C-alpha atoms as a PDB file:
ATOM      1  CA  MET A   1      81.961 111.381 128.882  1.00  0.00           C
ATOM      2  CA  LYS A   2      83.095 107.714 128.462  1.00  0.00           C
ATOM      3  CA  LYS A   3      82.881 106.139 125.303  1.00  0.00           C
ATOM      4  CA  LEU A   4      81.822 102.186 125.504  1.00  0.00           C
ATOM      5  CA  THR A   5      84.091 100.051 123.455  1.00  0.00           C
ATOM      6  CA  LEU A   6      83.818  96.409 122.669  1.00  0.00           C
ATOM      7  CA  THR A   7      85.786  95.563 125.971  1.00  0.00           C
ATOM      8  CA  ASP A   8      84.061  97.566 128.232  1.00  0.00           C
ATOM      9  CA  SER A   9      80.962  96.127 130.239  1.00  0.00           C
ATOM     10  CA  ILE A  10      77.873  98.483 130.280  1.00  0.00           C
ATOM     11  CA  ASP A  11      76.960  97.157 133.751  1.00  0.00           C
ATOM     12  CA  GLU A  12      80.232  97.965 135.420  1.00  0.00           C
ATOM     13  CA  LEU A  13      79.945 101.149 133.724  1.00  0.00           C
ATOM     14  CA  LEU A  14      76.233 101.990 134.875  1.00  0.00           C
ATOM     15  CA  ARG A  15      77.258 100.728 138.455  1.00  0.00           C
ATOM     16  CA  GLU A  16      80.130 103.383 138.638  1.00  0.00           C
ATOM     17  CA  ASN A  17      77.278 106.424 139.619  1.00  0.00           C
ATOM     18  CA  GLU A  18      73.730 106.282 140.637  1.00  0.00           C
ATOM     19  CA  TYR A  19      72.559 107.736 137.597  1.00  0.00           C
ATOM     20  CA  SER A  20      73.994 107.396 133.875  1.00  0.00           C
ATOM     21  CA  LEU A  21      73.125 109.247 130.791  1.00  0.00           C
ATOM     22  CA  LEU A  22      73.281 106.799 127.522  1.00  0.00           C
ATOM     23  CA  TYR A  23      74.186 108.769 124.590  1.00  0.00           C
ATOM     24  CA  PHE A  24      73.228 106.389 121.678  1.00  0.00           C
ATOM     25  CA  THR A  25      75.100 107.804 118.436  1.00  0.00           C
ATOM     26  CA  ALA A  26      76.553 106.784 115.166  1.00  0.00           C
ATOM     27  CA  SER A  27      79.018 108.263 112.952  1.00  0.00           C
ATOM     28  CA  TRP A  28      77.184 108.723 109.681  1.00  0.00           C
ATOM     29  CA  CYS A  29      74.432 110.458 111.769  1.00  0.00           C
ATOM     30  CA  GLY A  30      73.898 113.860 110.622  1.00  0.00           C
ATOM     31  CA  PRO A  31      71.923 114.999 113.707  1.00  0.00           C
ATOM     32  CA  CYS A  32      74.389 112.760 116.265  1.00  0.00           C
ATOM     33  CA  LYS A  33      77.014 115.262 114.708  1.00  0.00           C
ATOM     34  CA  SER A  34      75.116 118.441 115.871  1.00  0.00           C
ATOM     35  CA  MET A  35      74.016 116.767 119.182  1.00  0.00           C
ATOM     36  CA  SER A  36      77.389 115.691 120.371  1.00  0.00           C
ATOM     37  CA  PRO A  37      78.929 118.806 121.321  1.00  0.00           C
ATOM     38  CA  ILE A  38      75.521 119.504 123.318  1.00  0.00           C
ATOM     39  CA  VAL A  39      75.564 116.233 125.170  1.00  0.00           C
ATOM     40  CA  GLU A  40      79.419 117.088 125.726  1.00  0.00           C
ATOM     41  CA  GLY A  41      78.805 120.344 127.197  1.00  0.00           C
ATOM     42  CA  VAL A  42      75.848 119.570 129.389  1.00  0.00           C
ATOM     43  CA  SER A  43      77.497 116.543 130.659  1.00  0.00           C
ATOM     44  CA  GLY A  44      80.297 118.585 131.732  1.00  0.00           C
ATOM     45  CA  LEU A  45      78.509 121.162 133.486  1.00  0.00           C
ATOM     46  CA  MET A  46      76.155 118.383 135.496  1.00  0.00           C
ATOM     47  CA  SER A  47      78.726 115.715 135.904  1.00  0.00           C
ATOM     48  CA  ASP A  48      78.457 116.006 139.436  1.00  0.00           C
ATOM     49  CA  ARG A  49      74.770 114.604 138.999  1.00  0.00           C
ATOM     50  CA  PHE A  50      75.560 111.853 136.645  1.00  0.00           C
ATOM     51  CA  SER A  51      78.135 109.800 134.132  1.00  0.00           C
ATOM     52  CA  THR A  52      77.466 109.898 130.553  1.00  0.00           C
ATOM     53  CA  ILE A  53      78.404 107.021 128.560  1.00  0.00           C
ATOM     54  CA  LYS A  54      78.584 107.287 124.462  1.00  0.00           C
ATOM     55  CA  ILE A  55      77.890 104.186 122.780  1.00  0.00           C
ATOM     56  CA  ASP A  56      78.211 104.000 119.249  1.00  0.00           C
ATOM     57  CA  VAL A  57      75.345 101.686 117.473  1.00  0.00           C
ATOM     58  CA  ASP A  58      77.499 100.191 114.891  1.00  0.00           C
ATOM     59  CA  THR A  59      80.728  99.593 116.987  1.00  0.00           C
ATOM     60  CA  VAL A  60      78.895  97.865 119.916  1.00  0.00           C
ATOM     61  CA  ALA A  61      75.861  96.915 118.267  1.00  0.00           C
ATOM     62  CA  GLN A  62      74.759  94.333 120.724  1.00  0.00           C
ATOM     63  CA  VAL A  63      74.312  96.935 123.164  1.00  0.00           C
ATOM     64  CA  ALA A  64      72.158  99.044 121.259  1.00  0.00           C
ATOM     65  CA  SER A  65      70.255  95.827 120.346  1.00  0.00           C
ATOM     66  CA  ASP A  66      69.955  95.033 123.952  1.00  0.00           C
ATOM     67  CA  TYR A  67      68.405  98.471 124.867  1.00  0.00           C
ATOM     68  CA  GLY A  68      66.021  98.580 121.819  1.00  0.00           C
ATOM     69  CA  ILE A  69      67.651 101.356 119.979  1.00  0.00           C
ATOM     70  CA  ARG A  70      65.993 102.015 116.616  1.00  0.00           C
ATOM     71  CA  SER A  71      66.988 105.446 115.897  1.00  0.00           C
ATOM     72  CA  VAL A  72      70.040 107.835 116.656  1.00  0.00           C
ATOM     73  CA  PRO A  73      70.827 110.102 118.412  1.00  0.00           C
ATOM     74  CA  THR A  74      68.928 108.415 121.609  1.00  0.00           C
ATOM     75  CA  LEU A  75      69.180 109.744 125.087  1.00  0.00           C
ATOM     76  CA  MET A  76      68.467 107.390 127.872  1.00  0.00           C
ATOM     77  CA  LEU A  77      68.903 108.104 131.577  1.00  0.00           C
ATOM     78  CA  VAL A  78      69.290 105.333 133.814  1.00  0.00           C
ATOM     79  CA  LYS A  79      69.218 105.123 137.632  1.00  0.00           C
ATOM     80  CA  ASP A  80      70.629 101.692 139.466  1.00  0.00           C
ATOM     81  CA  ASP A  81      69.990 100.093 136.413  1.00  0.00           C
ATOM     82  CA  VAL A  82      66.643 101.078 135.603  1.00  0.00           C
ATOM     83  CA  ILE A  83      65.510 102.941 132.634  1.00  0.00           C
ATOM     84  CA  ILE A  84      63.738 106.418 133.681  1.00  0.00           C
ATOM     85  CA  ASP A  85      63.207 108.187 130.387  1.00  0.00           C
ATOM     86  CA  GLN A  86      64.600 108.600 127.326  1.00  0.00           C
ATOM     87  CA  ARG A  87      64.530 110.964 124.276  1.00  0.00           C
ATOM     88  CA  VAL A  88      65.117 110.541 120.654  1.00  0.00           C
ATOM     89  CA  GLY A  89      66.307 112.954 118.261  1.00  0.00           C
ATOM     90  CA  GLY A  90      68.027 116.094 118.551  1.00  0.00           C
ATOM     91  CA  LEU A  91      67.481 118.273 121.806  1.00  0.00           C
ATOM     92  CA  PRO A  92      68.665 122.140 122.125  1.00  0.00           C
ATOM     93  CA  PRO A  93      70.900 122.498 125.079  1.00  0.00           C
ATOM     94  CA  GLN A  94      68.268 124.402 127.609  1.00  0.00           C
ATOM     95  CA  GLN A  95      65.710 121.438 126.670  1.00  0.00           C
ATOM     96  CA  LEU A  96      68.428 118.889 127.437  1.00  0.00           C
ATOM     97  CA  MET A  97      69.356 120.398 130.611  1.00  0.00           C
ATOM     98  CA  GLN A  98      65.718 121.060 131.839  1.00  0.00           C
ATOM     99  CA  TRP A  99      65.351 117.108 131.153  1.00  0.00           C
ATOM    100  CA  LEU A 100      68.289 116.086 132.939  1.00  0.00           C
ATOM    101  CA  GLU A 101      67.379 118.632 135.983  1.00  0.00           C
ATOM    102  CA  ARG A 102      64.117 117.394 136.422  1.00  0.00           C
ATOM    103  CA  LEU A 103      64.880 113.793 136.516  1.00  0.00           C
ATOM    104  CA  THR A 104      68.201 113.782 138.589  1.00  0.00           C
END
């Protein structure tokens, strides 16, 4: 999982793979703290299908704003710069895997 920083270009990271999972999170968010290990685990298991980009909404607020993020955690699946689907809130590992398997 890559962490987006202020010096990174989201567009460049999205071009690295056909599919990208954008994980919008925040350090103060309780559900995000629970969700992070799940996203990391599932991303590791499915790394052959997509890349995962972790985006802290406070650190790179402009990117979160550009994607219309109003709540965290938010998971957004992107294919070739087009948003395919998104989920807001926590998901158990099995549901996250099923969602990603269906779409990638």
